[in-house]
Amino acid sequence: MPEHVFTIAALGHSVDVQTNNLTLFSVIERIVPPQMPCRMPSLSVATLWRRQPGEEGTVFTQRTRLIDPDGEEIAHLEQSLRASTAQYRVLATLANVPFRKTGTHRVDVYIRPEDAQDWGAAAASYPIDVAAMQGTDEDSLLPSEENGTTS
């Protein structure tokens, strides 16, 4: 199986036409929407893989899942990729993503050979904290003077 190098979620991305370099816009660690529930128009997930010996030309399928704090899947995407270079990336764009509750959500990434049936364990899990604005009825993850934490 390919070696997982990184998974990062961002609000957007671009790929330079000449160099093929990836630029991620607004890497996401925490989301603080003005109200809950909310929808994010799009979420870009960039994953980089490193080919292992003997995998050249092998076709793999990547599954990207967004999981809420209760373990419920709220978005997913499957994409095929061919291990034709030493390193290769997958850019997944999840559209119109619903966030219904505060807490830690996860972007879980799985990979398998195209002809396999079992996904096995996640190759990566990227946390995204969703917090409510202070002063709302939702439990807030924001630091406050009341709970003694500051940033």
N, C-alpha and C. Protein backbone atom coordinates (compact mmCIF):
# COMPACT_ATOMS: atom_id res chain seq x y z
N MET A 1 0.84 -1.17 0.00
CA MET A 1 0.00 0.00 0.00
C MET A 1 0.89 1.23 0.00
N PRO A 2 0.41 2.31 -0.61
CA PRO A 2 1.20 3.54 -0.62
C PRO A 2 1.40 4.06 0.80
N GLU A 3 2.50 4.76 1.02
CA GLU A 3 2.78 5.38 2.31
C GLU A 3 2.07 6.74 2.37
N HIS A 4 1.33 6.97 3.44
CA HIS A 4 0.67 8.25 3.64
C HIS A 4 1.70 9.27 4.08
N VAL A 5 1.78 10.43 3.39
CA VAL A 5 2.72 11.48 3.75
C VAL A 5 2.01 12.57 4.54
N PHE A 6 0.89 13.09 4.01
CA PHE A 6 0.11 14.07 4.77
C PHE A 6 -1.31 14.16 4.26
N THR A 7 -2.19 14.66 5.14
CA THR A 7 -3.56 15.05 4.80
C THR A 7 -3.80 16.38 5.47
N ILE A 8 -4.28 17.36 4.70
CA ILE A 8 -4.55 18.70 5.20
C ILE A 8 -5.87 19.18 4.62
N ALA A 9 -6.70 19.81 5.46
CA ALA A 9 -7.96 20.39 5.01
C ALA A 9 -7.81 21.91 4.93
N ALA A 10 -8.42 22.51 3.91
CA ALA A 10 -8.33 23.95 3.69
C ALA A 10 -9.62 24.44 3.04
N LEU A 11 -9.77 25.76 3.01
CA LEU A 11 -10.96 26.33 2.36
C LEU A 11 -10.86 26.28 0.84
N GLY A 12 -9.66 26.20 0.31
CA GLY A 12 -9.49 26.14 -1.14
C GLY A 12 -8.07 25.77 -1.51
N HIS A 13 -7.84 25.57 -2.81
CA HIS A 13 -6.51 25.22 -3.29
C HIS A 13 -6.36 25.66 -4.74
N SER A 14 -5.10 25.72 -5.16
CA SER A 14 -4.80 25.91 -6.58
C SER A 14 -3.53 25.14 -6.90
N VAL A 15 -3.40 24.75 -8.16
CA VAL A 15 -2.23 24.03 -8.62
C VAL A 15 -1.61 24.85 -9.74
N ASP A 16 -0.32 25.20 -9.58
CA ASP A 16 0.39 25.98 -10.59
C ASP A 16 0.53 25.17 -11.86
N VAL A 17 0.13 25.75 -12.99
CA VAL A 17 0.13 25.05 -14.27
C VAL A 17 1.55 24.70 -14.71
N GLN A 18 2.51 25.56 -14.44
CA GLN A 18 3.88 25.32 -14.89
C GLN A 18 4.67 24.38 -13.99
N THR A 19 4.54 24.53 -12.68
CA THR A 19 5.36 23.74 -11.75
C THR A 19 4.62 22.58 -11.11
N ASN A 20 3.30 22.57 -11.19
CA ASN A 20 2.44 21.59 -10.55
C ASN A 20 2.50 21.70 -9.02
N ASN A 21 3.02 22.82 -8.50
CA ASN A 21 3.05 23.03 -7.05
C ASN A 21 1.65 23.33 -6.55
N LEU A 22 1.35 22.82 -5.37
CA LEU A 22 0.05 22.99 -4.74
C LEU A 22 0.10 24.15 -3.76
N THR A 23 -0.93 24.99 -3.79
CA THR A 23 -1.12 26.05 -2.80
C THR A 23 -2.46 25.80 -2.12
N LEU A 24 -2.43 25.78 -0.78
CA LEU A 24 -3.65 25.63 -0.01
C LEU A 24 -4.00 26.99 0.59
N PHE A 25 -5.28 27.36 0.52
CA PHE A 25 -5.75 28.63 1.06
C PHE A 25 -6.50 28.37 2.36
N SER A 26 -6.13 29.08 3.41
CA SER A 26 -6.80 29.00 4.70
C SER A 26 -6.90 27.57 5.21
N VAL A 27 -5.76 27.04 5.63
CA VAL A 27 -5.74 25.71 6.23
C VAL A 27 -6.66 25.72 7.45
N ILE A 28 -7.48 24.70 7.57
CA ILE A 28 -8.51 24.67 8.61
C ILE A 28 -8.07 23.81 9.78
N GLU A 29 -8.09 24.41 10.95
CA GLU A 29 -7.90 23.68 12.20
C GLU A 29 -9.15 23.82 13.06
N ARG A 30 -9.79 24.97 12.95
CA ARG A 30 -10.98 25.28 13.74
C ARG A 30 -11.93 26.12 12.88
N ILE A 31 -13.21 25.85 13.05
CA ILE A 31 -14.25 26.62 12.37
C ILE A 31 -15.13 27.23 13.45
N VAL A 32 -15.38 28.54 13.33
CA VAL A 32 -16.26 29.22 14.29
C VAL A 32 -17.35 29.93 13.48
N PRO A 33 -18.41 29.20 13.14
CA PRO A 33 -19.48 29.81 12.35
C PRO A 33 -20.30 30.76 13.20
N PRO A 34 -20.97 31.73 12.56
CA PRO A 34 -21.79 32.68 13.32
C PRO A 34 -23.00 32.03 13.96
N GLN A 35 -23.42 30.88 13.45
CA GLN A 35 -24.56 30.17 14.03
C GLN A 35 -24.43 28.69 13.72
N MET A 36 -25.12 27.89 14.49
CA MET A 36 -25.17 26.44 14.27
C MET A 36 -26.62 26.05 14.09
N PRO A 37 -26.95 25.12 13.21
CA PRO A 37 -26.04 24.48 12.27
C PRO A 37 -25.62 25.42 11.15
N CYS A 38 -24.63 25.01 10.39
CA CYS A 38 -24.15 25.83 9.27
C CYS A 38 -23.72 24.91 8.13
N ARG A 39 -23.49 25.52 6.97
CA ARG A 39 -22.98 24.79 5.81
C ARG A 39 -21.74 25.51 5.31
N MET A 40 -20.71 24.73 5.01
CA MET A 40 -19.50 25.27 4.41
C MET A 40 -19.60 25.00 2.91
N PRO A 41 -19.50 26.06 2.08
CA PRO A 41 -19.66 25.86 0.63
C PRO A 41 -18.75 24.79 0.05
N SER A 42 -17.48 24.76 0.50
CA SER A 42 -16.58 23.70 0.04
C SER A 42 -15.44 23.52 1.04
N LEU A 43 -14.93 22.32 1.06
CA LEU A 43 -13.81 21.95 1.92
C LEU A 43 -12.84 21.17 1.05
N SER A 44 -11.62 21.68 0.89
CA SER A 44 -10.60 20.99 0.11
C SER A 44 -9.76 20.12 1.03
N VAL A 45 -9.55 18.88 0.63
CA VAL A 45 -8.71 17.97 1.40
C VAL A 45 -7.59 17.50 0.47
N ALA A 46 -6.35 17.84 0.84
CA ALA A 46 -5.18 17.44 0.05
C ALA A 46 -4.49 16.29 0.76
N THR A 47 -4.24 15.22 0.02
CA THR A 47 -3.54 14.06 0.57
C THR A 47 -2.36 13.73 -0.34
N LEU A 48 -1.20 13.51 0.27
CA LEU A 48 0.00 13.14 -0.48
C LEU A 48 0.38 11.71 -0.11
N TRP A 49 0.66 10.91 -1.15
CA TRP A 49 1.04 9.50 -0.98
C TRP A 49 2.41 9.28 -1.61
N ARG A 50 3.13 8.29 -1.09
CA ARG A 50 4.42 7.88 -1.66
C ARG A 50 4.28 6.42 -2.10
N ARG A 51 4.63 6.19 -3.37
CA ARG A 51 4.53 4.86 -3.95
C ARG A 51 5.55 3.92 -3.31
N GLN A 52 5.14 2.69 -3.09
CA GLN A 52 6.04 1.67 -2.55
C GLN A 52 6.60 0.82 -3.70
N PRO A 53 7.72 0.14 -3.48
CA PRO A 53 8.29 -0.71 -4.54
C PRO A 53 7.26 -1.71 -5.07
N GLY A 54 7.21 -1.84 -6.39
CA GLY A 54 6.29 -2.78 -7.02
C GLY A 54 4.89 -2.22 -7.29
N GLU A 55 4.63 -1.00 -6.89
CA GLU A 55 3.29 -0.43 -7.08
C GLU A 55 3.15 0.44 -8.33
N GLU A 56 4.21 0.61 -9.08
CA GLU A 56 4.13 1.49 -10.25
C GLU A 56 3.02 1.04 -11.19
N GLY A 57 2.14 1.99 -11.53
CA GLY A 57 1.03 1.73 -12.42
C GLY A 57 -0.20 1.15 -11.74
N THR A 58 -0.10 0.80 -10.46
CA THR A 58 -1.24 0.25 -9.74
C THR A 58 -2.30 1.33 -9.55
N VAL A 59 -3.56 0.95 -9.70
CA VAL A 59 -4.67 1.87 -9.49
C VAL A 59 -5.22 1.65 -8.09
N PHE A 60 -5.34 2.74 -7.35
CA PHE A 60 -5.89 2.72 -6.00
C PHE A 60 -7.15 3.58 -5.96
N THR A 61 -7.96 3.34 -4.96
CA THR A 61 -9.12 4.19 -4.70
C THR A 61 -8.94 4.80 -3.32
N GLN A 62 -9.12 6.13 -3.26
CA GLN A 62 -9.07 6.83 -1.98
C GLN A 62 -10.48 7.21 -1.58
N ARG A 63 -10.82 6.97 -0.32
CA ARG A 63 -12.10 7.40 0.24
C ARG A 63 -11.80 8.47 1.27
N THR A 64 -12.47 9.63 1.14
CA THR A 64 -12.35 10.73 2.09
C THR A 64 -13.70 10.86 2.78
N ARG A 65 -13.69 10.77 4.12
CA ARG A 65 -14.94 10.84 4.89
C ARG A 65 -14.83 11.95 5.92
N LEU A 66 -15.89 12.74 6.07
CA LEU A 66 -15.99 13.72 7.14
C LEU A 66 -16.94 13.16 8.18
N ILE A 67 -16.45 13.03 9.42
CA ILE A 67 -17.18 12.38 10.50
C ILE A 67 -17.45 13.39 11.60
N ASP A 68 -18.68 13.44 12.12
CA ASP A 68 -19.01 14.39 13.19
C ASP A 68 -18.59 13.82 14.55
N PRO A 69 -18.72 14.61 15.63
CA PRO A 69 -18.27 14.15 16.96
C PRO A 69 -18.96 12.87 17.46
N ASP A 70 -20.15 12.57 16.93
CA ASP A 70 -20.87 11.36 17.33
C ASP A 70 -20.53 10.15 16.46
N GLY A 71 -19.60 10.32 15.50
CA GLY A 71 -19.20 9.23 14.63
C GLY A 71 -20.04 9.08 13.38
N GLU A 72 -20.93 10.03 13.11
CA GLU A 72 -21.79 9.97 11.93
C GLU A 72 -21.08 10.59 10.73
N GLU A 73 -21.13 9.92 9.59
CA GLU A 73 -20.56 10.46 8.36
C GLU A 73 -21.47 11.57 7.84
N ILE A 74 -20.88 12.75 7.58
CA ILE A 74 -21.69 13.86 7.06
C ILE A 74 -21.31 14.22 5.62
N ALA A 75 -20.19 13.67 5.12
CA ALA A 75 -19.81 13.87 3.72
C ALA A 75 -18.76 12.82 3.37
N HIS A 76 -18.71 12.45 2.09
CA HIS A 76 -17.66 11.53 1.63
C HIS A 76 -17.44 11.67 0.14
N LEU A 77 -16.30 11.17 -0.31
CA LEU A 77 -15.94 11.22 -1.72
C LEU A 77 -14.97 10.09 -1.99
N GLU A 78 -15.12 9.39 -3.11
CA GLU A 78 -14.17 8.37 -3.53
C GLU A 78 -13.55 8.78 -4.85
N GLN A 79 -12.23 8.57 -4.97
CA GLN A 79 -11.49 8.96 -6.17
C GLN A 79 -10.46 7.89 -6.51
N SER A 80 -10.26 7.65 -7.79
CA SER A 80 -9.23 6.72 -8.25
C SER A 80 -7.94 7.46 -8.51
N LEU A 81 -6.82 6.77 -8.28
CA LEU A 81 -5.52 7.35 -8.58
C LEU A 81 -4.59 6.25 -9.05
N ARG A 82 -3.66 6.59 -9.93
CA ARG A 82 -2.69 5.64 -10.45
C ARG A 82 -1.32 5.99 -9.89
N ALA A 83 -0.64 4.99 -9.35
CA ALA A 83 0.69 5.19 -8.76
C ALA A 83 1.73 5.22 -9.87
N SER A 84 1.74 6.32 -10.64
CA SER A 84 2.63 6.41 -11.79
C SER A 84 3.92 7.19 -11.49
N THR A 85 3.94 7.93 -10.40
CA THR A 85 5.14 8.67 -10.01
C THR A 85 5.51 8.28 -8.58
N ALA A 86 6.71 8.68 -8.14
CA ALA A 86 7.17 8.32 -6.80
C ALA A 86 6.25 8.88 -5.71
N GLN A 87 5.76 10.10 -5.92
CA GLN A 87 4.80 10.72 -5.01
C GLN A 87 3.62 11.21 -5.84
N TYR A 88 2.44 11.14 -5.28
CA TYR A 88 1.26 11.63 -5.98
C TYR A 88 0.26 12.11 -4.95
N ARG A 89 -0.54 13.06 -5.37
CA ARG A 89 -1.51 13.63 -4.43
C ARG A 89 -2.92 13.48 -4.96
N VAL A 90 -3.84 13.55 -4.00
CA VAL A 90 -5.26 13.51 -4.32
C VAL A 90 -5.86 14.78 -3.72
N LEU A 91 -6.62 15.50 -4.53
CA LEU A 91 -7.32 16.71 -4.08
C LEU A 91 -8.81 16.40 -4.09
N ALA A 92 -9.37 16.33 -2.91
CA ALA A 92 -10.80 16.05 -2.76
C ALA A 92 -11.49 17.35 -2.37
N THR A 93 -12.57 17.68 -3.05
CA THR A 93 -13.36 18.85 -2.69
C THR A 93 -14.75 18.37 -2.27
N LEU A 94 -15.03 18.54 -0.97
CA LEU A 94 -16.35 18.21 -0.44
C LEU A 94 -17.20 19.47 -0.54
N ALA A 95 -18.35 19.38 -1.21
CA ALA A 95 -19.19 20.55 -1.45
C ALA A 95 -20.38 20.59 -0.50
N ASN A 96 -20.75 21.82 -0.11
CA ASN A 96 -21.96 22.05 0.68
C ASN A 96 -21.99 21.18 1.95
N VAL A 97 -20.91 21.28 2.73
CA VAL A 97 -20.71 20.42 3.89
C VAL A 97 -21.54 20.91 5.08
N PRO A 98 -22.40 20.06 5.64
CA PRO A 98 -23.22 20.47 6.78
C PRO A 98 -22.51 20.21 8.12
N PHE A 99 -22.44 21.22 8.95
CA PHE A 99 -21.96 21.06 10.32
C PHE A 99 -23.16 21.30 11.22
N ARG A 100 -23.60 20.27 11.92
CA ARG A 100 -24.81 20.35 12.73
C ARG A 100 -24.55 20.52 14.21
N LYS A 101 -23.29 20.29 14.63
CA LYS A 101 -22.99 20.37 16.06
C LYS A 101 -21.55 20.82 16.28
N THR A 102 -21.30 21.31 17.47
CA THR A 102 -19.95 21.70 17.84
C THR A 102 -19.18 20.45 18.27
N GLY A 103 -17.87 20.60 18.36
CA GLY A 103 -17.01 19.50 18.79
C GLY A 103 -16.01 19.14 17.72
N THR A 104 -15.23 18.12 17.99
CA THR A 104 -14.17 17.71 17.06
C THR A 104 -14.73 16.79 15.98
N HIS A 105 -14.63 17.25 14.75
CA HIS A 105 -14.97 16.46 13.58
C HIS A 105 -13.66 15.87 13.05
N ARG A 106 -13.75 14.83 12.21
CA ARG A 106 -12.55 14.22 11.64
C ARG A 106 -12.71 14.05 10.14
N VAL A 107 -11.60 14.30 9.43
CA VAL A 107 -11.51 13.91 8.03
C VAL A 107 -10.69 12.62 8.05
N ASP A 108 -11.34 11.50 7.75
CA ASP A 108 -10.66 10.20 7.71
C ASP A 108 -10.40 9.85 6.25
N VAL A 109 -9.17 9.36 5.99
CA VAL A 109 -8.76 9.01 4.63
C VAL A 109 -8.39 7.53 4.60
N TYR A 110 -8.95 6.83 3.64
CA TYR A 110 -8.71 5.40 3.44
C TYR A 110 -8.16 5.20 2.04
N ILE A 111 -7.41 4.13 1.85
CA ILE A 111 -6.93 3.78 0.51
C ILE A 111 -6.91 2.27 0.36
N ARG A 112 -7.22 1.81 -0.85
CA ARG A 112 -7.18 0.38 -1.14
C ARG A 112 -6.90 0.20 -2.63
N PRO A 113 -6.38 -0.96 -3.02
CA PRO A 113 -6.27 -1.25 -4.45
C PRO A 113 -7.66 -1.22 -5.07
N GLU A 114 -7.74 -0.79 -6.31
CA GLU A 114 -9.04 -0.61 -6.97
C GLU A 114 -9.90 -1.87 -6.94
N ASP A 115 -9.28 -3.04 -7.04
CA ASP A 115 -10.06 -4.28 -7.10
C ASP A 115 -10.33 -4.89 -5.72
N ALA A 116 -9.88 -4.27 -4.64
CA ALA A 116 -10.12 -4.79 -3.29
C ALA A 116 -11.51 -4.38 -2.80
N GLN A 117 -12.05 -5.14 -1.87
CA GLN A 117 -13.36 -4.84 -1.31
C GLN A 117 -13.29 -4.17 0.05
N ASP A 118 -12.28 -4.50 0.84
CA ASP A 118 -12.16 -4.03 2.22
C ASP A 118 -11.34 -2.74 2.29
N TRP A 119 -11.87 -1.74 3.02
CA TRP A 119 -11.14 -0.48 3.19
C TRP A 119 -10.10 -0.58 4.29
N GLY A 120 -10.29 -1.46 5.24
CA GLY A 120 -9.34 -1.54 6.35
C GLY A 120 -9.41 -0.29 7.22
N ALA A 121 -8.37 -0.06 7.98
CA ALA A 121 -8.31 1.09 8.89
C ALA A 121 -7.97 2.36 8.11
N ALA A 122 -8.35 3.49 8.69
CA ALA A 122 -8.02 4.78 8.07
C ALA A 122 -6.51 4.96 8.01
N ALA A 123 -6.01 5.47 6.89
CA ALA A 123 -4.58 5.76 6.75
C ALA A 123 -4.23 7.06 7.46
N ALA A 124 -5.23 7.94 7.61
CA ALA A 124 -5.01 9.23 8.27
C ALA A 124 -6.31 9.74 8.84
N SER A 125 -6.20 10.56 9.88
CA SER A 125 -7.36 11.21 10.49
C SER A 125 -6.95 12.63 10.84
N TYR A 126 -7.65 13.61 10.28
CA TYR A 126 -7.33 15.03 10.45
C TYR A 126 -8.45 15.68 11.25
N PRO A 127 -8.15 16.23 12.44
CA PRO A 127 -9.21 16.83 13.27
C PRO A 127 -9.57 18.25 12.86
N ILE A 128 -10.85 18.57 12.93
CA ILE A 128 -11.33 19.94 12.72
C ILE A 128 -12.28 20.25 13.88
N ASP A 129 -11.92 21.23 14.69
CA ASP A 129 -12.79 21.64 15.80
C ASP A 129 -13.82 22.63 15.30
N VAL A 130 -15.07 22.39 15.61
CA VAL A 130 -16.16 23.30 15.27
C VAL A 130 -16.66 23.90 16.58
N ALA A 131 -16.57 25.22 16.68
CA ALA A 131 -16.94 25.93 17.90
C ALA A 131 -18.08 26.89 17.62
N ALA A 132 -18.88 27.17 18.62
CA ALA A 132 -19.94 28.16 18.49
C ALA A 132 -19.41 29.52 18.89
N MET A 133 -19.98 30.55 18.33
CA MET A 133 -19.63 31.91 18.75
C MET A 133 -19.98 32.07 20.22
N GLN A 134 -19.16 32.81 20.95
CA GLN A 134 -19.49 33.07 22.35
C GLN A 134 -20.81 33.82 22.42
N GLY A 135 -21.59 33.48 23.44
CA GLY A 135 -22.87 34.14 23.60
C GLY A 135 -24.01 33.40 22.94
N THR A 136 -23.71 32.23 22.31
CA THR A 136 -24.79 31.43 21.72
C THR A 136 -25.17 30.33 22.70
N ASP A 137 -26.21 29.60 22.38
CA ASP A 137 -26.66 28.52 23.24
C ASP A 137 -25.80 27.26 23.09
N GLU A 138 -25.01 27.18 22.04
CA GLU A 138 -24.16 26.01 21.82
C GLU A 138 -22.99 26.03 22.80
N ASP A 139 -22.47 24.85 23.14
CA ASP A 139 -21.26 24.77 23.95
C ASP A 139 -20.11 25.37 23.15
N SER A 140 -19.41 26.30 23.72
CA SER A 140 -18.34 26.99 23.01
C SER A 140 -17.00 26.34 23.28
N LEU A 141 -16.20 26.22 22.24
CA LEU A 141 -14.83 25.74 22.38
C LEU A 141 -13.85 26.90 22.43
N LEU A 142 -14.38 28.13 22.39
CA LEU A 142 -13.51 29.28 22.41
C LEU A 142 -12.97 29.53 23.81
N PRO A 143 -11.69 29.97 23.93
CA PRO A 143 -11.18 30.31 25.25
C PRO A 143 -11.98 31.46 25.85
N SER A 144 -12.17 31.42 27.16
CA SER A 144 -12.88 32.50 27.82
C SER A 144 -12.27 32.74 29.19
N GLU A 145 -12.48 33.93 29.70
CA GLU A 145 -11.98 34.28 31.02
C GLU A 145 -12.70 33.45 32.09
N GLU A 146 -13.93 33.04 31.81
CA GLU A 146 -14.71 32.29 32.78
C GLU A 146 -14.11 30.93 33.10
N ASN A 147 -13.58 30.24 32.08
CA ASN A 147 -13.03 28.93 32.35
C ASN A 147 -11.52 28.96 32.58
N GLY A 148 -10.93 30.15 32.63
CA GLY A 148 -9.53 30.31 32.98
C GLY A 148 -8.54 30.03 31.87
N THR A 149 -9.00 29.86 30.65
CA THR A 149 -8.08 29.60 29.55
C THR A 149 -7.95 30.85 28.70
N THR A 150 -6.77 31.02 28.17
CA THR A 150 -6.52 32.12 27.22
C THR A 150 -5.67 31.60 26.09
N SER A 151 -5.60 32.37 25.04
CA SER A 151 -4.74 31.96 23.95
C SER A 151 -3.78 33.07 23.60
